[in-house]
Amino acid sequence: MVDPDWVNPGAARASGLSPGDEGTPSWENPAAAAPVAVPTGSSKANTVQRLLSISIIIICGLLIAVAVLGLIAFNPADVSQYSDLFVSIYMVLFGALLLCYEVMWWKSVPAVNKTLRKNFGFLYGILGKSLFIVFVAFLNFGLQKTVTVKYLTVGTAICWFVVAGLHIFLYFWKPELFGTYHAPAAGLDNII
């Protein structure tokens, strides 16, 4: 099976980039980004990006905890709880997916990064990641009856909405904060 052009950094020339543009990071040539995923320096933009990443890691932990509580509370004898089972499984998967991406931002693993970029490329942009966070936040409302810790599901959903809203707000209100943002590029530099 052949990878699509957007996965292959060498396809940048075929898309109209001149040979001198190969070292310029862009969505067409992600491998040209800095080899270290976390931006260096102590600027305000880098600090904000790190804080947003840490907040996402925290809310992923909350989501996975809520989903595990939903799985623990599952009663196979009650037919009405099977939808809660599937919602809990999706919450674990989506939480692990976003957590994996955020960990890639701090310490990239080339094989995992390549797979994530190929299958979940929308996470590699601020708006795509923000909309994914909003989507996953709505899953919390599917478990309100199952989870035994009262208000944990609603609190987790609110946290997810706040983090997504903060991402979107900062993206449009202070775009310079994301000017140095580089999505993980490990594993994409030696694709033929």
C-alpha atoms as a PDB file:
ATOM      1  CA  MET A   1       0.000   0.000   0.000  1.00  0.00           C
ATOM      2  CA  VAL A   2       1.368   3.417  -0.966  1.00  0.00           C
ATOM      3  CA  ASP A   3       1.328   6.257   1.556  1.00  0.00           C
ATOM      4  CA  PRO A   4      -0.531   9.420   0.552  1.00  0.00           C
ATOM      5  CA  ASP A   5       1.574  12.407  -0.565  1.00  0.00           C
ATOM      6  CA  TRP A   6       0.916  14.371   2.619  1.00  0.00           C
ATOM      7  CA  VAL A   7       2.613  11.634   4.678  1.00  0.00           C
ATOM      8  CA  ASN A   8       5.737  11.640   2.532  1.00  0.00           C
ATOM      9  CA  PRO A   9       7.922  14.707   3.087  1.00  0.00           C
ATOM     10  CA  GLY A  10       9.705  13.995  -0.207  1.00  0.00           C
ATOM     11  CA  ALA A  11       6.462  14.740  -2.017  1.00  0.00           C
ATOM     12  CA  ALA A  12       6.980  18.432  -1.271  1.00  0.00           C
ATOM     13  CA  ARG A  13       8.849  18.893  -4.577  1.00  0.00           C
ATOM     14  CA  ALA A  14       6.016  17.260  -6.485  1.00  0.00           C
ATOM     15  CA  SER A  15       3.592  19.741  -4.951  1.00  0.00           C
ATOM     16  CA  GLY A  16       5.405  22.735  -6.377  1.00  0.00           C
ATOM     17  CA  LEU A  17       7.999  23.557  -3.733  1.00  0.00           C
ATOM     18  CA  SER A  18      11.328  24.545  -5.121  1.00  0.00           C
ATOM     19  CA  PRO A  19      14.383  22.544  -4.017  1.00  0.00           C
ATOM     20  CA  GLY A  20      15.513  25.467  -1.839  1.00  0.00           C
ATOM     21  CA  ASP A  21      12.278  25.254   0.197  1.00  0.00           C
ATOM     22  CA  GLU A  22      13.007  21.749   1.503  1.00  0.00           C
ATOM     23  CA  GLY A  23      14.286  23.044   4.832  1.00  0.00           C
ATOM     24  CA  THR A  24      11.305  25.305   5.436  1.00  0.00           C
ATOM     25  CA  PRO A  25       8.783  23.793   7.865  1.00  0.00           C
ATOM     26  CA  SER A  26       5.279  23.723   6.469  1.00  0.00           C
ATOM     27  CA  TRP A  27       2.298  21.471   6.287  1.00  0.00           C
ATOM     28  CA  GLU A  28       3.693  20.108   3.014  1.00  0.00           C
ATOM     29  CA  ASN A  29       7.113  19.383   4.503  1.00  0.00           C
ATOM     30  CA  PRO A  30       6.698  18.532   8.213  1.00  0.00           C
ATOM     31  CA  ALA A  31      10.052  16.791   8.403  1.00  0.00           C
ATOM     32  CA  ALA A  32      11.789  20.126   7.968  1.00  0.00           C
ATOM     33  CA  ALA A  33      10.654  21.151  11.436  1.00  0.00           C
ATOM     34  CA  ALA A  34      13.128  21.216  14.286  1.00  0.00           C
ATOM     35  CA  PRO A  35      14.329  17.717  15.236  1.00  0.00           C
ATOM     36  CA  VAL A  36      13.306  18.310  18.855  1.00  0.00           C
ATOM     37  CA  ALA A  37       9.536  18.439  19.144  1.00  0.00           C
ATOM     38  CA  VAL A  38       9.406  20.815  22.127  1.00  0.00           C
ATOM     39  CA  PRO A  39      10.419  24.336  21.160  1.00  0.00           C
ATOM     40  CA  THR A  40      13.463  25.567  23.035  1.00  0.00           C
ATOM     41  CA  GLY A  41      13.763  28.924  24.709  1.00  0.00           C
ATOM     42  CA  SER A  42      11.850  30.674  27.421  1.00  0.00           C
ATOM     43  CA  SER A  43       9.587  32.914  25.393  1.00  0.00           C
ATOM     44  CA  LYS A  44       6.000  33.557  26.327  1.00  0.00           C
ATOM     45  CA  ALA A  45       4.751  31.578  23.311  1.00  0.00           C
ATOM     46  CA  ASN A  46       6.724  28.463  24.266  1.00  0.00           C
ATOM     47  CA  THR A  47       5.543  28.708  27.861  1.00  0.00           C
ATOM     48  CA  VAL A  48       1.901  28.974  26.777  1.00  0.00           C
ATOM     49  CA  GLN A  49       2.302  25.999  24.446  1.00  0.00           C
ATOM     50  CA  ARG A  50       3.817  23.916  27.224  1.00  0.00           C
ATOM     51  CA  LEU A  51       1.050  24.873  29.671  1.00  0.00           C
ATOM     52  CA  LEU A  52      -1.615  23.969  27.117  1.00  0.00           C
ATOM     53  CA  SER A  53       0.076  20.626  26.515  1.00  0.00           C
ATOM     54  CA  ILE A  54       0.234  19.898  30.245  1.00  0.00           C
ATOM     55  CA  SER A  55      -3.453  20.818  30.584  1.00  0.00           C
ATOM     56  CA  ILE A  56      -4.314  18.366  27.812  1.00  0.00           C
ATOM     57  CA  ILE A  57      -2.315  15.619  29.519  1.00  0.00           C
ATOM     58  CA  ILE A  58      -4.237  16.281  32.755  1.00  0.00           C
ATOM     59  CA  ILE A  59      -7.663  16.231  31.088  1.00  0.00           C
ATOM     60  CA  CYS A  60      -6.747  13.026  29.252  1.00  0.00           C
ATOM     61  CA  GLY A  61      -6.028  11.455  32.631  1.00  0.00           C
ATOM     62  CA  LEU A  62      -9.407  12.666  33.892  1.00  0.00           C
ATOM     63  CA  LEU A  63     -11.188  11.270  30.844  1.00  0.00           C
ATOM     64  CA  ILE A  64      -9.530   7.878  31.131  1.00  0.00           C
ATOM     65  CA  ALA A  65     -10.345   7.776  34.867  1.00  0.00           C
ATOM     66  CA  VAL A  66     -14.023   8.528  34.176  1.00  0.00           C
ATOM     67  CA  ALA A  67     -14.091   5.870  31.463  1.00  0.00           C
ATOM     68  CA  VAL A  68     -12.503   3.264  33.754  1.00  0.00           C
ATOM     69  CA  LEU A  69     -15.093   4.075  36.430  1.00  0.00           C
ATOM     70  CA  GLY A  70     -17.765   3.586  33.771  1.00  0.00           C
ATOM     71  CA  LEU A  71     -16.290   0.208  32.852  1.00  0.00           C
ATOM     72  CA  ILE A  72     -16.130  -0.828  36.515  1.00  0.00           C
ATOM     73  CA  ALA A  73     -19.772   0.147  37.062  1.00  0.00           C
ATOM     74  CA  PHE A  74     -20.929  -1.795  33.995  1.00  0.00           C
ATOM     75  CA  ASN A  75     -23.531  -4.440  34.789  1.00  0.00           C
ATOM     76  CA  PRO A  76     -23.833  -7.049  31.998  1.00  0.00           C
ATOM     77  CA  ALA A  77     -27.254  -8.107  33.279  1.00  0.00           C
ATOM     78  CA  ASP A  78     -28.693  -4.639  32.565  1.00  0.00           C
ATOM     79  CA  VAL A  79     -29.256  -4.324  28.823  1.00  0.00           C
ATOM     80  CA  SER A  80     -29.607  -0.546  29.047  1.00  0.00           C
ATOM     81  CA  GLN A  81     -25.962  -0.228  30.143  1.00  0.00           C
ATOM     82  CA  TYR A  82     -24.430  -1.638  26.965  1.00  0.00           C
ATOM     83  CA  SER A  83     -24.377   1.810  25.396  1.00  0.00           C
ATOM     84  CA  ASP A  84     -22.407   3.009  28.430  1.00  0.00           C
ATOM     85  CA  LEU A  85     -19.929   0.197  27.828  1.00  0.00           C
ATOM     86  CA  PHE A  86     -19.266   1.392  24.274  1.00  0.00           C
ATOM     87  CA  VAL A  87     -19.055   5.032  25.340  1.00  0.00           C
ATOM     88  CA  SER A  88     -16.515   4.066  28.029  1.00  0.00           C
ATOM     89  CA  ILE A  89     -14.432   2.139  25.517  1.00  0.00           C
ATOM     90  CA  TYR A  90     -14.456   5.084  23.100  1.00  0.00           C
ATOM     91  CA  MET A  91     -13.499   7.443  25.911  1.00  0.00           C
ATOM     92  CA  VAL A  92     -10.489   5.288  26.793  1.00  0.00           C
ATOM     93  CA  LEU A  93      -9.443   5.087  23.137  1.00  0.00           C
ATOM     94  CA  PHE A  94      -9.868   8.801  22.421  1.00  0.00           C
ATOM     95  CA  GLY A  95      -8.205   9.809  25.680  1.00  0.00           C
ATOM     96  CA  ALA A  96      -5.270   7.503  24.971  1.00  0.00           C
ATOM     97  CA  LEU A  97      -5.033   8.839  21.411  1.00  0.00           C
ATOM     98  CA  LEU A  98      -4.809  12.470  22.493  1.00  0.00           C
ATOM     99  CA  LEU A  99      -2.491  11.576  25.367  1.00  0.00           C
ATOM    100  CA  CYS A 100      -0.226   9.725  22.945  1.00  0.00           C
ATOM    101  CA  TYR A 101      -0.100  12.764  20.660  1.00  0.00           C
ATOM    102  CA  GLU A 102       0.768  15.096  23.527  1.00  0.00           C
ATOM    103  CA  VAL A 103       3.514  12.764  24.718  1.00  0.00           C
ATOM    104  CA  MET A 104       4.857  12.784  21.130  1.00  0.00           C
ATOM    105  CA  TRP A 105       5.118  16.561  21.437  1.00  0.00           C
ATOM    106  CA  TRP A 106       7.438  16.197  24.442  1.00  0.00           C
ATOM    107  CA  LYS A 107       9.352  13.066  23.415  1.00  0.00           C
ATOM    108  CA  SER A 108       8.785  11.684  19.938  1.00  0.00           C
ATOM    109  CA  VAL A 109       8.839   8.013  19.032  1.00  0.00           C
ATOM    110  CA  PRO A 110       9.263   7.877  15.244  1.00  0.00           C
ATOM    111  CA  ALA A 111       7.075   4.824  14.511  1.00  0.00           C
ATOM    112  CA  VAL A 112       4.217   6.032  16.713  1.00  0.00           C
ATOM    113  CA  ASN A 113       4.450   9.566  15.363  1.00  0.00           C
ATOM    114  CA  LYS A 114       4.320   8.374  11.755  1.00  0.00           C
ATOM    115  CA  THR A 115       1.256   6.225  12.492  1.00  0.00           C
ATOM    116  CA  LEU A 116      -0.514   9.039  14.323  1.00  0.00           C
ATOM    117  CA  ARG A 117       0.206  11.540  11.551  1.00  0.00           C
ATOM    118  CA  LYS A 118      -0.970   9.125   8.883  1.00  0.00           C
ATOM    119  CA  ASN A 119      -4.235   8.189  10.602  1.00  0.00           C
ATOM    120  CA  PHE A 120      -5.018  11.194  12.822  1.00  0.00           C
ATOM    121  CA  GLY A 121      -3.455  14.125  10.994  1.00  0.00           C
ATOM    122  CA  PHE A 122      -6.106  16.523  12.268  1.00  0.00           C
ATOM    123  CA  LEU A 123      -4.408  16.422  15.698  1.00  0.00           C
ATOM    124  CA  TYR A 124      -1.304  18.065  14.251  1.00  0.00           C
ATOM    125  CA  GLY A 125      -2.975  21.466  13.966  1.00  0.00           C
ATOM    126  CA  ILE A 126      -4.328  23.634  16.770  1.00  0.00           C
ATOM    127  CA  LEU A 127      -7.860  23.902  15.354  1.00  0.00           C
ATOM    128  CA  GLY A 128      -8.135  20.205  14.506  1.00  0.00           C
ATOM    129  CA  LYS A 129      -6.974  19.242  17.968  1.00  0.00           C
ATOM    130  CA  SER A 130      -9.369  21.761  19.545  1.00  0.00           C
ATOM    131  CA  LEU A 131     -12.369  20.442  17.626  1.00  0.00           C
ATOM    132  CA  PHE A 132     -11.406  16.884  18.565  1.00  0.00           C
ATOM    133  CA  ILE A 133     -11.329  17.952  22.226  1.00  0.00           C
ATOM    134  CA  VAL A 134     -14.834  19.427  21.879  1.00  0.00           C
ATOM    135  CA  PHE A 135     -16.071  16.205  20.261  1.00  0.00           C
ATOM    136  CA  VAL A 136     -14.632  14.046  23.034  1.00  0.00           C
ATOM    137  CA  ALA A 137     -16.016  16.364  25.713  1.00  0.00           C
ATOM    138  CA  PHE A 138     -19.532  15.449  24.620  1.00  0.00           C
ATOM    139  CA  LEU A 139     -18.821  11.754  25.307  1.00  0.00           C
ATOM    140  CA  ASN A 140     -18.702  12.509  29.034  1.00  0.00           C
ATOM    141  CA  PHE A 141     -22.414  13.227  29.064  1.00  0.00           C
ATOM    142  CA  GLY A 142     -23.124   9.652  27.958  1.00  0.00           C
ATOM    143  CA  LEU A 143     -21.956   8.258  31.302  1.00  0.00           C
ATOM    144  CA  GLN A 144     -23.799  10.386  33.821  1.00  0.00           C
ATOM    145  CA  LYS A 145     -25.909   7.514  35.145  1.00  0.00           C
ATOM    146  CA  THR A 146     -23.157   4.907  35.275  1.00  0.00           C
ATOM    147  CA  VAL A 147     -20.230   6.566  37.036  1.00  0.00           C
ATOM    148  CA  THR A 148     -20.570   6.395  40.801  1.00  0.00           C
ATOM    149  CA  VAL A 149     -18.535   9.529  41.589  1.00  0.00           C
ATOM    150  CA  LYS A 150     -21.133  12.267  41.397  1.00  0.00           C
ATOM    151  CA  TYR A 151     -20.340  15.244  39.161  1.00  0.00           C
ATOM    152  CA  LEU A 152     -17.043  13.740  37.949  1.00  0.00           C
ATOM    153  CA  THR A 153     -18.331  13.259  34.404  1.00  0.00           C
ATOM    154  CA  VAL A 154     -19.774  16.768  34.194  1.00  0.00           C
ATOM    155  CA  GLY A 155     -16.653  18.270  35.738  1.00  0.00           C
ATOM    156  CA  THR A 156     -14.461  16.405  33.263  1.00  0.00           C
ATOM    157  CA  ALA A 157     -16.612  17.557  30.349  1.00  0.00           C
ATOM    158  CA  ILE A 158     -16.400  21.162  31.553  1.00  0.00           C
ATOM    159  CA  CYS A 159     -12.607  20.874  31.823  1.00  0.00           C
ATOM    160  CA  TRP A 160     -12.435  19.545  28.251  1.00  0.00           C
ATOM    161  CA  PHE A 161     -14.637  22.383  26.968  1.00  0.00           C
ATOM    162  CA  VAL A 162     -12.538  24.973  28.804  1.00  0.00           C
ATOM    163  CA  VAL A 163      -9.273  23.621  27.371  1.00  0.00           C
ATOM    164  CA  ALA A 164     -10.730  23.477  23.844  1.00  0.00           C
ATOM    165  CA  GLY A 165     -12.177  26.957  24.190  1.00  0.00           C
ATOM    166  CA  LEU A 166      -8.847  28.259  25.448  1.00  0.00           C
ATOM    167  CA  HIS A 167      -7.050  26.725  22.461  1.00  0.00           C
ATOM    168  CA  ILE A 168      -9.495  28.250  19.989  1.00  0.00           C
ATOM    169  CA  PHE A 169      -9.588  31.621  21.774  1.00  0.00           C
ATOM    170  CA  LEU A 170      -5.799  31.906  21.873  1.00  0.00           C
ATOM    171  CA  TYR A 171      -5.476  30.697  18.291  1.00  0.00           C
ATOM    172  CA  PHE A 172      -7.659  33.536  16.987  1.00  0.00           C
ATOM    173  CA  TRP A 173      -6.973  36.237  19.603  1.00  0.00           C
ATOM    174  CA  LYS A 174      -3.209  35.743  20.047  1.00  0.00           C
ATOM    175  CA  PRO A 175      -1.992  33.853  16.954  1.00  0.00           C
ATOM    176  CA  GLU A 176       1.618  34.843  17.718  1.00  0.00           C
ATOM    177  CA  LEU A 177       1.520  32.389  20.641  1.00  0.00           C
ATOM    178  CA  PHE A 178       1.329  29.554  18.118  1.00  0.00           C
ATOM    179  CA  GLY A 179       3.823  31.022  15.659  1.00  0.00           C
ATOM    180  CA  THR A 180       6.579  28.768  17.008  1.00  0.00           C
ATOM    181  CA  TYR A 181       4.327  25.711  17.311  1.00  0.00           C
ATOM    182  CA  HIS A 182       5.818  22.688  15.588  1.00  0.00           C
ATOM    183  CA  ALA A 183       3.953  19.418  15.474  1.00  0.00           C
ATOM    184  CA  PRO A 184       6.090  16.321  16.121  1.00  0.00           C
ATOM    185  CA  ALA A 185       8.047  15.301  13.015  1.00  0.00           C
ATOM    186  CA  ALA A 186      10.043  12.292  14.236  1.00  0.00           C
ATOM    187  CA  GLY A 187       9.937   9.348  11.858  1.00  0.00           C
ATOM    188  CA  LEU A 188       9.106  11.448   8.816  1.00  0.00           C
ATOM    189  CA  ASP A 189      12.596  12.515   7.809  1.00  0.00           C
ATOM    190  CA  ASN A 190      13.753   9.235   6.271  1.00  0.00           C
ATOM    191  CA  ILE A 191      10.701   8.317   4.211  1.00  0.00           C
ATOM    192  CA  ILE A 192      11.507   7.563   0.597  1.00  0.00           C
END
